[in-house]
Amino acid sequence: MNNQQRLKKQIESRIKRIKQAEHDRPNLLSQTVYIGTLGLVMVLPVIGCAYLGHWLDGNMEGYSTRWTLSLLFTGLVIGIFNVYFLIKEK
């Protein structure tokens, strides 16, 4: 009787672990949302900084791309850090 109870407890614990593993496994929708979020946190700072740089260059006299290029690079660095911290958090 004692061996049967131990066997029953082992089987129950294994069933619990299998069900928990199935529950914790990421599905296609969650992976798609995660990759989409990574894309947004990378692209939005780049676009925002480029737009701000273009607007600043438009307010200056003459033809200049100094603000656009420097803020584009800054947005790229910010986007890379955003992706890094998001991946590190996950």
C-alpha atoms as a PDB file:
ATOM      1  CA  MET A   1       0.000   0.000   0.000  1.00  0.00           C
ATOM      2  CA  ASN A   2       2.835   2.397   0.850  1.00  0.00           C
ATOM      3  CA  ASN A   3       4.522   1.831  -2.522  1.00  0.00           C
ATOM      4  CA  GLN A   4       1.264   2.489  -4.320  1.00  0.00           C
ATOM      5  CA  GLN A   5       0.782   5.799  -2.486  1.00  0.00           C
ATOM      6  CA  ARG A   6       4.311   6.926  -3.340  1.00  0.00           C
ATOM      7  CA  LEU A   7       3.810   5.939  -6.961  1.00  0.00           C
ATOM      8  CA  LYS A   8       0.498   7.799  -7.040  1.00  0.00           C
ATOM      9  CA  LYS A   9       2.111  10.962  -5.583  1.00  0.00           C
ATOM     10  CA  GLN A  10       4.981  10.785  -8.082  1.00  0.00           C
ATOM     11  CA  ILE A  11       2.569  10.434 -10.989  1.00  0.00           C
ATOM     12  CA  GLU A  12       0.433  13.324  -9.715  1.00  0.00           C
ATOM     13  CA  SER A  13       3.482  15.571  -9.327  1.00  0.00           C
ATOM     14  CA  ARG A  14       4.651  14.726 -12.841  1.00  0.00           C
ATOM     15  CA  ILE A  15       1.195  15.483 -14.237  1.00  0.00           C
ATOM     16  CA  LYS A  16       1.244  18.854 -12.451  1.00  0.00           C
ATOM     17  CA  ARG A  17       4.673  19.670 -13.907  1.00  0.00           C
ATOM     18  CA  ILE A  18       3.545  18.716 -17.422  1.00  0.00           C
ATOM     19  CA  LYS A  19       0.424  20.869 -17.152  1.00  0.00           C
ATOM     20  CA  GLN A  20       2.450  23.788 -15.766  1.00  0.00           C
ATOM     21  CA  ALA A  21       4.985  23.441 -18.613  1.00  0.00           C
ATOM     22  CA  GLU A  22       2.171  23.492 -21.181  1.00  0.00           C
ATOM     23  CA  HIS A  23       0.684  26.566 -19.522  1.00  0.00           C
ATOM     24  CA  ASP A  24       4.018  28.420 -19.401  1.00  0.00           C
ATOM     25  CA  ARG A  25       4.980  27.643 -22.996  1.00  0.00           C
ATOM     26  CA  PRO A  26       4.677  30.767 -25.147  1.00  0.00           C
ATOM     27  CA  ASN A  27       2.168  30.557 -27.961  1.00  0.00           C
ATOM     28  CA  LEU A  28       2.305  32.168 -31.372  1.00  0.00           C
ATOM     29  CA  LEU A  29       0.187  35.176 -30.421  1.00  0.00           C
ATOM     30  CA  SER A  30       2.304  36.095 -27.405  1.00  0.00           C
ATOM     31  CA  GLN A  31       5.518  35.759 -29.414  1.00  0.00           C
ATOM     32  CA  THR A  32       4.076  37.943 -32.182  1.00  0.00           C
ATOM     33  CA  VAL A  33       3.063  40.620 -29.682  1.00  0.00           C
ATOM     34  CA  TYR A  34       6.529  40.493 -28.084  1.00  0.00           C
ATOM     35  CA  ILE A  35       8.321  40.908 -31.425  1.00  0.00           C
ATOM     36  CA  GLY A  36       5.941  43.713 -32.393  1.00  0.00           C
ATOM     37  CA  THR A  37       6.696  45.465 -29.111  1.00  0.00           C
ATOM     38  CA  LEU A  38      10.436  45.104 -29.751  1.00  0.00           C
ATOM     39  CA  GLY A  39       9.962  46.678 -33.167  1.00  0.00           C
ATOM     40  CA  LEU A  40       7.986  49.591 -31.786  1.00  0.00           C
ATOM     41  CA  VAL A  41      10.410  50.400 -28.981  1.00  0.00           C
ATOM     42  CA  MET A  42      13.200  50.403 -31.578  1.00  0.00           C
ATOM     43  CA  VAL A  43      11.518  52.359 -34.373  1.00  0.00           C
ATOM     44  CA  LEU A  44       9.504  55.002 -32.502  1.00  0.00           C
ATOM     45  CA  PRO A  45      12.502  56.821 -30.948  1.00  0.00           C
ATOM     46  CA  VAL A  46      14.289  56.829 -34.313  1.00  0.00           C
ATOM     47  CA  ILE A  47      11.289  58.292 -36.147  1.00  0.00           C
ATOM     48  CA  GLY A  48      10.532  60.777 -33.370  1.00  0.00           C
ATOM     49  CA  CYS A  49      14.100  62.057 -33.167  1.00  0.00           C
ATOM     50  CA  ALA A  50      14.431  62.250 -36.964  1.00  0.00           C
ATOM     51  CA  TYR A  51      11.211  64.245 -37.191  1.00  0.00           C
ATOM     52  CA  LEU A  52      12.365  66.591 -34.408  1.00  0.00           C
ATOM     53  CA  GLY A  53      15.725  67.045 -36.140  1.00  0.00           C
ATOM     54  CA  HIS A  54      14.058  67.774 -39.465  1.00  0.00           C
ATOM     55  CA  TRP A  55      11.801  70.341 -37.800  1.00  0.00           C
ATOM     56  CA  LEU A  56      14.789  72.015 -36.105  1.00  0.00           C
ATOM     57  CA  ASP A  57      16.708  72.103 -39.402  1.00  0.00           C
ATOM     58  CA  GLY A  58      13.683  73.644 -41.106  1.00  0.00           C
ATOM     59  CA  ASN A  59      13.656  76.490 -38.593  1.00  0.00           C
ATOM     60  CA  MET A  60      17.294  77.370 -39.300  1.00  0.00           C
ATOM     61  CA  GLU A  61      18.403  79.504 -42.234  1.00  0.00           C
ATOM     62  CA  GLY A  62      20.032  77.789 -45.177  1.00  0.00           C
ATOM     63  CA  TYR A  63      20.282  74.095 -45.936  1.00  0.00           C
ATOM     64  CA  SER A  64      21.330  71.991 -42.982  1.00  0.00           C
ATOM     65  CA  THR A  65      21.004  68.376 -41.955  1.00  0.00           C
ATOM     66  CA  ARG A  66      23.028  68.676 -38.777  1.00  0.00           C
ATOM     67  CA  TRP A  67      20.094  68.292 -36.375  1.00  0.00           C
ATOM     68  CA  THR A  68      18.431  65.586 -38.426  1.00  0.00           C
ATOM     69  CA  LEU A  69      21.503  63.384 -38.560  1.00  0.00           C
ATOM     70  CA  SER A  70      22.549  63.899 -34.953  1.00  0.00           C
ATOM     71  CA  LEU A  71      19.066  63.275 -33.584  1.00  0.00           C
ATOM     72  CA  LEU A  72      18.619  60.302 -35.911  1.00  0.00           C
ATOM     73  CA  PHE A  73      21.729  58.749 -34.391  1.00  0.00           C
ATOM     74  CA  THR A  74      20.495  59.637 -30.890  1.00  0.00           C
ATOM     75  CA  GLY A  75      17.142  57.961 -31.614  1.00  0.00           C
ATOM     76  CA  LEU A  76      18.964  54.867 -32.838  1.00  0.00           C
ATOM     77  CA  VAL A  77      20.968  54.666 -29.606  1.00  0.00           C
ATOM     78  CA  ILE A  78      17.825  55.179 -27.505  1.00  0.00           C
ATOM     79  CA  GLY A  79      16.030  52.458 -29.487  1.00  0.00           C
ATOM     80  CA  ILE A  80      18.887  50.007 -28.982  1.00  0.00           C
ATOM     81  CA  PHE A  81      18.866  50.653 -25.236  1.00  0.00           C
ATOM     82  CA  ASN A  82      15.064  50.220 -25.162  1.00  0.00           C
ATOM     83  CA  VAL A  83      15.317  46.840 -26.882  1.00  0.00           C
ATOM     84  CA  TYR A  84      18.155  45.766 -24.589  1.00  0.00           C
ATOM     85  CA  PHE A  85      16.238  46.636 -21.432  1.00  0.00           C
ATOM     86  CA  LEU A  86      13.036  45.022 -22.710  1.00  0.00           C
ATOM     87  CA  ILE A  87      14.865  41.767 -23.515  1.00  0.00           C
ATOM     88  CA  LYS A  88      16.718  41.882 -20.204  1.00  0.00           C
ATOM     89  CA  GLU A  89      13.415  42.310 -18.353  1.00  0.00           C
ATOM     90  CA  LYS A  90      11.833  39.326 -20.100  1.00  0.00           C
END
